[in-house]
Amino acid sequence: MKNLKTYSMFESVTELTPEQVQWLDKCARGTWELNPQTGLVDVKGGFTCSAQGLSDFKGVKFGVVWRNFNCSENRLTSLEGAPQQVDVDFHCDNNLLTSLVGSPQKVGGDFYCNINRLDSLKGAPQEVNGYFVCNNNHLISLDGAPQDVDGGFYCHNNSLTSLAGAPKRVGGTFVCEMNALTSLEGAPQVVSGYFNCDYNPVSRDTLKTIFAKMQKGTSYLAAVESIWSKIPQDDQVLLYADDFKWVTPEQSRGLVALRAYQDLRGML
């Protein structure tokens, strides 16, 4: 056994079962111990329990993991019991997660939650020192995302119509292709790498032009207004919103009518 410890004097700590001990011994890449002050299992190394058909962590609750924690390719619907802190990478991709509540709040490396069933990022770690990867989910909002990401941010192949809730700063590439974007409201203020917005309803050229304006400190509305006359009509139809005060009443009626026609045609 690897550092099995029980502490009956602490009411908050229960003795680990033989099955739990065997599982911890099997999955720990280093040593582990039951912390008597927190009642949580700390791992001085990494922990890998991927592809085991898990629906939970066998009742074990983790505290600090000194290296990677990998629970990918299981059947997890919740992260209850997941580490509170992971010093390197955290992988929970390829599961059945509908929420990130329970995920570590501090990740020293990359955070992967791609290929799940998430519709928001509430509960996500707020400190990520590497990449944040949440592509291939059901996201309709980025609310809950960390606001400062040192590496790249990948949210492609979701159902986002805007970037509300996105990080304020991304130290690498920002990928939001293959969504339903008709607005860049909420886009990061700083992206140090490439901005990839391909395969959205609004054309790539229009979105990238708006984003380039925003990167110079211009608000989303001001950016759209500054290039409005140069935006193709098909994109104007998709971008138009009630707060576009520069659009004349006549043009507004025309855009709304065109959008209604396109929506009707799409239903046929």
Protein backbone atom coordinates (compact mmCIF):
# COMPACT_ATOMS: atom_id res chain seq x y z
CA MET A 1 0.00 0.00 0.00
CA LYS A 2 1.12 3.54 -0.70
CA ASN A 3 1.04 5.60 2.49
CA LEU A 4 -2.36 4.51 3.74
CA LYS A 5 -3.24 6.53 6.80
CA THR A 6 -6.41 6.60 8.87
CA TYR A 7 -7.14 9.14 11.57
CA SER A 8 -10.02 8.12 13.82
CA MET A 9 -9.42 11.15 16.05
CA PHE A 10 -10.65 13.48 13.28
CA GLU A 11 -14.41 13.25 12.92
CA SER A 12 -14.29 14.67 9.38
CA VAL A 13 -12.10 11.81 8.13
CA THR A 14 -13.40 8.34 7.48
CA GLU A 15 -11.28 5.28 6.97
CA LEU A 16 -10.66 4.35 3.36
CA THR A 17 -12.07 1.04 2.23
CA PRO A 18 -9.80 -1.71 0.88
CA GLU A 19 -11.27 -1.10 -2.59
CA GLN A 20 -10.43 2.61 -2.40
CA VAL A 21 -6.90 1.86 -1.21
CA GLN A 22 -6.37 -0.63 -4.03
CA TRP A 23 -7.64 1.90 -6.57
CA LEU A 24 -5.41 4.69 -5.24
CA ASP A 25 -2.39 2.38 -5.29
CA LYS A 26 -3.16 1.42 -8.87
CA CYS A 27 -3.69 4.94 -10.23
CA ALA A 28 -1.20 7.07 -8.28
CA ARG A 29 2.02 7.91 -10.08
CA GLY A 30 3.91 8.61 -6.91
CA THR A 31 2.80 8.44 -3.28
CA TRP A 32 -0.51 9.39 -1.76
CA GLU A 33 -1.77 10.06 1.76
CA LEU A 34 -4.97 10.87 3.56
CA ASN A 35 -4.53 14.40 4.92
CA PRO A 36 -5.71 14.40 8.56
CA GLN A 37 -6.46 18.13 8.54
CA THR A 38 -8.65 18.16 5.42
CA GLY A 39 -9.88 14.58 5.14
CA LEU A 40 -8.78 14.67 1.49
CA VAL A 41 -6.34 12.48 -0.42
CA ASP A 42 -3.20 14.33 -1.52
CA VAL A 43 -1.00 12.84 -4.23
CA LYS A 44 2.72 13.59 -4.30
CA GLY A 45 2.97 12.89 -8.01
CA GLY A 46 0.39 12.32 -10.72
CA PHE A 47 -2.88 10.39 -10.82
CA THR A 48 -4.30 8.60 -13.87
CA CYS A 49 -7.70 6.90 -13.83
CA SER A 50 -8.64 7.35 -17.48
CA ALA A 51 -10.68 4.83 -19.49
CA GLN A 52 -11.92 2.86 -16.47
CA GLY A 53 -15.67 3.28 -17.03
CA LEU A 54 -15.91 5.40 -13.88
CA SER A 55 -19.14 7.19 -12.99
CA ASP A 56 -17.48 8.76 -9.90
CA PHE A 57 -14.20 8.69 -7.97
CA LYS A 58 -15.22 5.69 -5.87
CA GLY A 59 -16.13 7.98 -2.98
CA VAL A 60 -12.57 9.36 -2.74
CA LYS A 61 -12.16 13.13 -2.42
CA PHE A 62 -8.87 14.64 -3.55
CA GLY A 63 -7.04 17.66 -2.21
CA VAL A 64 -3.74 18.60 -3.87
CA VAL A 65 -2.17 16.67 -6.76
CA TRP A 66 1.44 17.62 -7.39
CA ARG A 67 1.51 16.70 -11.06
CA ASN A 68 -1.13 15.67 -13.67
CA PHE A 69 -4.62 14.43 -12.85
CA ASN A 70 -6.25 12.50 -15.71
CA CYS A 71 -9.81 11.19 -15.45
CA SER A 72 -10.61 11.37 -19.18
CA GLU A 73 -12.57 8.80 -21.20
CA ASN A 74 -14.91 7.71 -18.43
CA ARG A 75 -18.63 8.13 -17.74
CA LEU A 76 -18.37 10.94 -15.21
CA THR A 77 -21.43 13.19 -14.93
CA SER A 78 -19.96 15.22 -12.05
CA LEU A 79 -16.53 16.32 -10.80
CA GLU A 80 -17.48 15.93 -7.15
CA GLY A 81 -14.37 14.73 -5.35
CA ALA A 82 -11.94 16.02 -8.00
CA PRO A 83 -8.73 17.69 -6.73
CA GLN A 84 -9.01 21.19 -5.36
CA GLN A 85 -5.60 22.02 -6.81
CA VAL A 86 -3.55 20.41 -9.60
CA ASP A 87 -0.01 21.63 -10.04
CA VAL A 88 0.35 20.57 -13.70
CA ASP A 89 -2.43 19.44 -16.13
CA PHE A 90 -6.05 18.43 -15.44
CA HIS A 91 -7.88 16.19 -17.96
CA CYS A 92 -11.60 15.47 -17.69
CA ASP A 93 -12.25 15.30 -21.45
CA ASN A 94 -14.38 12.60 -23.08
CA ASN A 95 -16.90 12.19 -20.27
CA LEU A 96 -20.61 12.96 -19.77
CA LEU A 97 -20.16 16.14 -17.75
CA THR A 98 -22.94 18.72 -17.77
CA SER A 99 -21.23 20.96 -15.21
CA LEU A 100 -17.70 21.85 -14.09
CA VAL A 101 -18.73 22.37 -10.48
CA GLY A 102 -16.17 20.52 -8.38
CA SER A 103 -13.25 21.10 -10.72
CA PRO A 104 -9.93 22.35 -9.29
CA GLN A 105 -9.86 26.11 -8.88
CA LYS A 106 -6.12 26.32 -9.44
CA VAL A 107 -4.40 24.49 -12.33
CA GLY A 108 -0.69 24.99 -12.83
CA GLY A 109 -0.72 23.74 -16.43
CA ASP A 110 -3.49 22.96 -18.95
CA PHE A 111 -7.19 22.32 -18.32
CA TYR A 112 -9.07 19.99 -20.70
CA CYS A 113 -12.84 19.56 -20.52
CA ASN A 114 -13.50 19.04 -24.23
CA ILE A 115 -15.95 16.46 -25.61
CA ASN A 116 -18.52 16.56 -22.81
CA ARG A 117 -22.09 17.85 -22.50
CA LEU A 118 -21.38 21.25 -20.98
CA ASP A 119 -23.70 24.18 -21.72
CA SER A 120 -21.76 26.64 -19.54
CA LEU A 121 -18.37 26.90 -17.83
CA LYS A 122 -19.66 27.68 -14.35
CA GLY A 123 -17.41 26.02 -11.80
CA ALA A 124 -14.34 26.15 -14.07
CA PRO A 125 -10.95 26.93 -12.53
CA GLN A 126 -10.24 30.63 -12.20
CA GLU A 127 -6.47 30.25 -12.38
CA VAL A 128 -5.07 28.40 -15.40
CA ASN A 129 -1.40 28.78 -16.23
CA GLY A 130 -1.55 26.85 -19.51
CA TYR A 131 -4.20 26.06 -22.12
CA PHE A 132 -7.96 26.01 -21.49
CA VAL A 133 -9.71 23.60 -23.86
CA CYS A 134 -13.52 23.32 -23.90
CA ASN A 135 -14.28 22.51 -27.54
CA ASN A 136 -16.91 19.99 -28.65
CA ASN A 137 -19.49 20.66 -25.96
CA HIS A 138 -22.96 22.25 -25.96
CA LEU A 139 -21.83 25.67 -24.76
CA ILE A 140 -24.26 28.54 -25.28
CA SER A 141 -22.21 30.84 -23.05
CA LEU A 142 -18.64 31.24 -21.79
CA ASP A 143 -19.83 32.46 -18.39
CA GLY A 144 -17.59 31.00 -15.72
CA ALA A 145 -14.45 30.89 -17.87
CA PRO A 146 -11.20 32.02 -16.25
CA GLN A 147 -10.57 35.67 -17.08
CA ASP A 148 -6.82 35.33 -17.53
CA VAL A 149 -5.38 32.34 -19.41
CA ASP A 150 -1.63 32.11 -20.00
CA GLY A 151 -1.90 29.63 -22.89
CA GLY A 152 -4.42 29.23 -25.69
CA PHE A 153 -8.22 29.17 -25.29
CA TYR A 154 -10.17 26.69 -27.45
CA CYS A 155 -13.97 26.84 -27.53
CA HIS A 156 -14.62 25.67 -31.09
CA ASN A 157 -17.52 23.46 -32.15
CA ASN A 158 -20.08 24.68 -29.63
CA SER A 159 -23.31 26.73 -29.89
CA LEU A 160 -22.01 30.18 -28.96
CA THR A 161 -23.79 33.19 -30.46
CA SER A 162 -21.48 35.69 -28.74
CA LEU A 163 -18.26 35.61 -26.69
CA ALA A 164 -19.81 36.97 -23.50
CA GLY A 165 -17.89 35.61 -20.52
CA ALA A 166 -14.68 34.94 -22.48
CA PRO A 167 -11.30 35.58 -20.82
CA LYS A 168 -10.13 39.18 -20.82
CA ARG A 169 -6.59 38.07 -21.68
CA VAL A 170 -5.39 35.02 -23.62
CA GLY A 171 -1.64 34.46 -23.82
CA GLY A 172 -1.84 32.22 -26.89
CA THR A 173 -4.30 31.38 -29.67
CA PHE A 174 -8.05 31.96 -29.31
CA VAL A 175 -10.14 29.52 -31.33
CA CYS A 176 -13.91 30.05 -31.64
CA GLU A 177 -14.55 28.53 -35.06
CA MET A 178 -17.57 26.31 -35.78
CA ASN A 179 -20.00 28.11 -33.50
CA ALA A 180 -23.12 30.21 -34.16
CA LEU A 181 -21.48 33.61 -33.70
CA THR A 182 -23.49 36.61 -34.78
CA SER A 183 -21.70 38.93 -32.33
CA LEU A 184 -18.23 39.39 -30.84
CA GLU A 185 -19.60 41.05 -27.71
CA GLY A 186 -17.39 39.93 -24.82
CA ALA A 187 -14.37 39.01 -26.98
CA PRO A 188 -10.98 39.01 -25.19
CA GLN A 189 -9.32 42.40 -24.87
CA VAL A 190 -5.90 40.84 -25.48
CA VAL A 191 -5.06 37.77 -27.59
CA SER A 192 -1.33 37.30 -28.01
CA GLY A 193 -1.65 34.56 -30.63
CA TYR A 194 -3.94 33.90 -33.60
CA PHE A 195 -7.70 34.62 -33.54
CA ASN A 196 -9.54 31.82 -35.38
CA CYS A 197 -13.23 32.52 -36.05
CA ASP A 198 -13.84 30.44 -39.19
CA TYR A 199 -17.10 28.64 -39.96
CA ASN A 200 -19.57 30.90 -38.18
CA PRO A 201 -22.76 32.44 -39.63
CA VAL A 202 -21.07 35.85 -39.96
CA SER A 203 -18.19 35.69 -42.41
CA ARG A 204 -14.62 35.23 -41.26
CA ASP A 205 -13.48 38.50 -42.88
CA THR A 206 -16.13 40.57 -41.11
CA LEU A 207 -15.49 38.99 -37.71
CA LYS A 208 -11.72 39.38 -38.01
CA THR A 209 -12.05 43.04 -39.03
CA ILE A 210 -14.30 43.74 -36.03
CA PHE A 211 -11.92 41.88 -33.73
CA ALA A 212 -8.89 43.79 -35.04
CA LYS A 213 -10.66 47.06 -34.16
CA MET A 214 -11.49 45.75 -30.68
CA GLN A 215 -7.85 44.79 -30.09
CA LYS A 216 -7.00 48.48 -30.37
CA GLY A 217 -9.26 49.28 -27.44
CA THR A 218 -12.46 49.94 -29.38
CA SER A 219 -15.73 48.64 -27.94
CA TYR A 220 -17.69 46.05 -29.89
CA LEU A 221 -20.44 48.51 -30.85
CA ALA A 222 -17.96 51.20 -31.90
CA ALA A 223 -16.00 48.65 -33.94
CA VAL A 224 -19.11 47.52 -35.84
CA GLU A 225 -20.28 51.10 -36.40
CA SER A 226 -16.89 52.15 -37.80
CA ILE A 227 -17.05 49.57 -40.61
CA TRP A 228 -20.83 49.19 -41.00
CA SER A 229 -21.01 50.65 -44.50
CA LYS A 230 -18.35 48.17 -45.70
CA ILE A 231 -19.99 45.06 -44.20
CA PRO A 232 -21.76 42.83 -46.76
CA GLN A 233 -25.54 42.87 -46.43
CA ASP A 234 -25.72 39.17 -45.53
CA ASP A 235 -23.48 39.86 -42.53
CA GLN A 236 -25.39 43.05 -41.64
CA VAL A 237 -28.58 40.99 -41.41
CA LEU A 238 -26.95 38.61 -38.95
CA LEU A 239 -25.12 41.24 -36.89
CA TYR A 240 -27.97 43.74 -36.56
CA ALA A 241 -29.20 44.38 -32.99
CA ASP A 242 -31.55 46.88 -31.39
CA ASP A 243 -28.67 48.87 -29.88
CA PHE A 244 -27.22 49.70 -33.32
CA LYS A 245 -28.36 53.32 -32.98
CA TRP A 246 -26.57 54.44 -36.14
CA VAL A 247 -28.83 52.30 -38.35
CA THR A 248 -31.68 54.32 -39.88
CA PRO A 249 -35.28 53.22 -39.20
CA GLU A 250 -35.70 52.36 -42.88
CA GLN A 251 -32.57 50.21 -42.96
CA SER A 252 -33.56 48.60 -39.67
CA ARG A 253 -36.94 47.53 -41.07
CA GLY A 254 -35.24 46.11 -44.14
CA LEU A 255 -32.71 44.09 -42.14
CA VAL A 256 -35.37 42.72 -39.80
CA ALA A 257 -37.50 41.71 -42.79
CA LEU A 258 -34.57 39.99 -44.48
CA ARG A 259 -33.72 38.10 -41.30
CA ALA A 260 -37.32 36.93 -40.93
CA TYR A 261 -37.32 35.78 -44.56
CA GLN A 262 -34.05 33.90 -44.12
CA ASP A 263 -35.29 32.25 -40.91
CA LEU A 264 -38.47 31.17 -42.69
CA ARG A 265 -36.53 29.83 -45.66
CA GLY A 266 -34.28 27.89 -43.29
CA MET A 267 -37.33 26.15 -41.81
CA LEU A 268 -38.61 24.95 -45.17
